[in-house]
N, C-alpha and C. Protein backbone atom coordinates (compact mmCIF):
# COMPACT_ATOMS: atom_id res chain seq x y z
N UNK A 1 2.09 -16.24 40.66
CA UNK A 1 1.93 -14.96 40.83
C UNK A 1 0.45 -14.89 40.75
N UNK A 2 -0.43 -15.23 40.50
CA UNK A 2 -2.06 -15.11 40.64
C UNK A 2 -2.01 -14.53 42.05
N UNK A 3 -1.78 -15.50 42.86
CA UNK A 3 -1.87 -14.82 44.57
C UNK A 3 -1.50 -13.26 44.69
N UNK A 4 -0.50 -12.88 44.12
CA UNK A 4 0.35 -11.77 44.29
C UNK A 4 -1.01 -10.39 43.49
N UNK A 5 -1.27 -11.22 42.35
CA UNK A 5 -2.08 -10.01 41.50
C UNK A 5 -3.70 -10.35 42.39
N UNK A 6 -3.97 -10.68 43.04
CA UNK A 6 -5.25 -11.04 43.92
C UNK A 6 -5.17 -10.28 45.04
N UNK A 7 -3.96 -10.20 45.30
CA UNK A 7 -3.30 -9.91 47.09
C UNK A 7 -3.96 -8.03 46.57
N UNK A 8 -2.78 -7.54 45.83
CA UNK A 8 -2.69 -6.29 45.03
C UNK A 8 -4.17 -5.80 44.55
N UNK A 9 -4.71 -6.58 43.82
CA UNK A 9 -6.32 -6.43 43.36
C UNK A 9 -6.77 -5.88 44.57
N UNK A 10 -7.08 -6.40 45.62
CA UNK A 10 -7.80 -6.26 46.80
C UNK A 10 -7.47 -5.00 47.37
N UNK A 11 -6.19 -4.97 47.40
CA UNK A 11 -5.66 -3.53 48.24
C UNK A 11 -6.21 -2.49 47.29
N UNK A 12 -5.90 -2.41 45.96
CA UNK A 12 -6.38 -1.72 45.29
C UNK A 12 -7.71 -1.23 45.11
N UNK A 13 -8.55 -1.98 45.60
CA UNK A 13 -10.27 -2.21 45.62
C UNK A 13 -10.85 -1.37 47.05
N UNK A 14 -9.76 -1.59 47.98
CA UNK A 14 -10.42 -1.39 49.45
C UNK A 14 -9.91 -0.43 49.86
N UNK A 15 -8.46 -0.19 49.75
CA UNK A 15 -7.49 0.68 50.64
C UNK A 15 -6.86 2.22 49.50
N UNK A 16 -6.78 1.56 48.69
CA UNK A 16 -5.66 3.00 47.86
C UNK A 16 -6.65 4.03 47.60
N UNK A 17 -8.07 4.22 47.48
CA UNK A 17 -8.61 5.33 47.87
C UNK A 17 -8.15 6.49 49.01
N UNK A 18 -7.96 6.00 49.96
CA UNK A 18 -7.71 6.80 51.29
C UNK A 18 -6.29 6.67 51.49
N UNK A 19 -5.26 6.18 50.68
CA UNK A 19 -4.21 6.58 51.36
C UNK A 19 -3.38 7.78 50.95
N UNK A 20 -2.72 8.56 51.67
CA UNK A 20 -1.91 9.79 51.60
C UNK A 20 -1.23 9.48 50.11
N UNK A 21 -1.16 10.91 49.66
CA UNK A 21 0.43 11.07 48.71
C UNK A 21 1.51 10.20 48.57
N UNK A 22 2.19 10.05 49.79
CA UNK A 22 3.44 9.72 49.93
C UNK A 22 3.24 7.94 50.13
N UNK A 23 2.00 7.64 50.66
CA UNK A 23 1.62 6.10 50.63
C UNK A 23 1.46 5.51 48.88
N UNK A 24 0.71 6.78 48.47
CA UNK A 24 0.19 6.52 47.11
C UNK A 24 1.83 6.19 46.41
N UNK A 25 2.82 6.98 46.51
CA UNK A 25 4.21 7.00 45.91
C UNK A 25 4.50 5.51 46.20
N UNK A 26 4.74 5.67 47.85
CA UNK A 26 5.42 4.12 47.56
C UNK A 26 4.83 3.12 47.10
N UNK A 27 3.79 3.04 47.02
CA UNK A 27 2.80 1.85 46.48
C UNK A 27 3.38 1.68 45.01
N UNK A 28 3.46 3.17 44.53
CA UNK A 28 3.99 3.35 43.02
C UNK A 28 5.29 2.14 42.91
N UNK A 29 5.98 2.62 43.81
CA UNK A 29 7.58 2.61 43.73
C UNK A 29 7.48 1.05 44.22
N UNK A 30 6.83 -0.16 45.01
CA UNK A 30 6.50 -0.77 45.45
C UNK A 30 6.39 -1.68 44.13
N UNK A 31 5.52 -0.98 42.97
CA UNK A 31 4.99 -1.91 41.95
C UNK A 31 6.28 -1.96 40.80
N UNK A 32 7.28 -1.02 41.27
CA UNK A 32 8.30 -0.84 40.42
C UNK A 32 9.24 -2.49 40.65
N UNK A 33 9.33 -2.74 41.97
CA UNK A 33 10.59 -3.94 42.35
C UNK A 33 9.96 -5.07 41.95
N UNK A 34 11.12 -5.77 41.64
CA UNK A 34 11.01 -6.90 40.98
C UNK A 34 9.97 -8.29 41.74
N UNK A 35 9.67 -9.00 40.87
CA UNK A 35 8.63 -9.81 41.56
C UNK A 35 8.80 -10.98 42.51
N UNK A 36 9.94 -10.92 42.12
CA UNK A 36 10.63 -11.99 43.52
C UNK A 36 10.66 -11.56 44.68
N UNK A 37 10.83 -10.19 45.01
CA UNK A 37 10.70 -9.48 46.02
C UNK A 37 9.55 -8.95 46.39
N UNK A 38 8.59 -8.83 45.51
CA UNK A 38 7.34 -9.15 45.84
C UNK A 38 6.71 -10.05 46.80
N UNK A 39 7.02 -11.29 46.06
CA UNK A 39 6.48 -12.47 46.64
C UNK A 39 7.30 -12.50 48.01
N UNK A 40 8.26 -12.73 48.26
CA UNK A 40 9.17 -12.40 49.73
C UNK A 40 8.18 -11.45 50.12
N UNK A 41 8.21 -10.47 50.40
CA UNK A 41 7.52 -9.05 51.25
C UNK A 41 6.08 -9.55 51.18
N UNK A 42 5.43 -9.46 50.45
CA UNK A 42 3.96 -9.80 50.82
C UNK A 42 3.41 -11.47 50.68
N UNK A 43 4.07 -12.16 50.55
CA UNK A 43 3.60 -13.32 50.29
C UNK A 43 4.42 -14.61 51.73
N UNK A 44 5.41 -13.97 51.81
CA UNK A 44 6.60 -14.93 52.47
C UNK A 44 6.99 -14.20 53.81
N UNK A 45 6.40 -12.97 54.25
CA UNK A 45 6.89 -12.67 55.38
C UNK A 45 7.83 -11.83 55.43
N UNK A 46 8.51 -11.51 54.68
CA UNK A 46 9.88 -10.74 54.18
C UNK A 46 9.57 -9.38 54.27
N UNK A 47 10.61 -8.68 54.99
CA UNK A 47 10.33 -7.21 54.56
C UNK A 47 11.38 -6.26 54.31
N UNK A 48 11.08 -5.04 52.78
CA UNK A 48 11.72 -4.60 52.33
C UNK A 48 12.61 -3.56 53.47
N UNK A 49 13.68 -3.30 52.86
CA UNK A 49 14.66 -2.43 53.72
C UNK A 49 14.42 -1.10 53.63
N UNK A 50 13.94 -0.68 52.86
CA UNK A 50 13.26 0.90 53.01
C UNK A 50 12.16 0.92 53.56
N UNK A 51 12.36 1.86 54.72
CA UNK A 51 10.93 2.27 55.50
C UNK A 51 9.42 2.37 54.95
N UNK A 52 9.59 3.45 53.96
CA UNK A 52 8.06 3.76 53.17
C UNK A 52 7.54 2.67 52.65
N UNK A 53 8.80 1.68 51.89
CA UNK A 53 8.10 0.47 51.26
C UNK A 53 7.44 -0.80 52.00
N UNK A 54 8.55 -0.48 53.66
CA UNK A 54 7.86 -1.66 54.48
C UNK A 54 6.51 -1.31 55.40
N UNK A 55 6.54 0.02 55.15
CA UNK A 55 4.77 0.48 55.60
C UNK A 55 4.00 0.12 54.73
N UNK A 56 4.19 0.22 53.62
CA UNK A 56 2.92 0.03 52.55
C UNK A 56 2.90 -1.22 52.12
N UNK A 57 3.90 -1.85 52.52
CA UNK A 57 3.73 -3.64 52.90
C UNK A 57 2.95 -3.81 53.63
N UNK A 58 3.07 -3.34 54.98
CA UNK A 58 2.27 -3.74 56.07
C UNK A 58 0.60 -3.46 56.16
N UNK A 59 0.64 -2.22 55.23
CA UNK A 59 -0.79 -2.12 54.68
C UNK A 59 -1.48 -3.30 54.22
N UNK A 60 -0.53 -3.58 53.09
CA UNK A 60 -1.23 -4.34 52.16
C UNK A 60 -1.54 -5.89 52.64
N UNK A 61 -0.57 -6.33 53.60
CA UNK A 61 -0.78 -7.23 54.58
C UNK A 61 -2.02 -7.15 55.47
N UNK A 62 -1.98 -5.89 55.97
CA UNK A 62 -3.39 -5.57 57.10
C UNK A 62 -4.78 -5.75 56.16
N UNK A 63 -4.69 -5.56 54.68
CA UNK A 63 -5.73 -5.33 53.92
C UNK A 63 -6.21 -6.88 53.63
N UNK A 64 -5.18 -7.68 53.32
CA UNK A 64 -5.36 -9.12 53.16
C UNK A 64 -6.00 -9.59 54.31
N UNK A 65 -5.72 -9.85 55.56
CA UNK A 65 -6.10 -10.41 56.29
C UNK A 65 -7.74 -10.18 56.66
N UNK A 66 -7.89 -9.01 56.78
CA UNK A 66 -9.46 -8.13 56.84
C UNK A 66 -10.06 -8.56 55.23
N UNK A 67 -9.62 -9.13 54.11
CA UNK A 67 -10.44 -9.52 53.02
C UNK A 67 -11.01 -10.96 53.62
N UNK A 68 -10.02 -11.75 54.54
CA UNK A 68 -9.97 -13.29 54.36
C UNK A 68 -11.27 -13.76 55.50
C-alpha cells in the first residue's frame, strides 16, 4: 500500500490545488473507495465504472508519469 500512498501524495502535492470543485469532490469520493479498487485502478490499469472517478484516476496516473 506504500506505493499507493506515494502516488496519492504526489498528486496532492502537485495537482490538487488546481482541481475544479467537481474534481475535488471526485477525489474525495475516490478516497472512500476500498483499497483493493484503488490498487486496481491506480496501479494495475483498471478503470472505475463511474465516469467522474475515471476522470480523476486518469489525472492521478498522468501526474504519476510526470513525476518519474
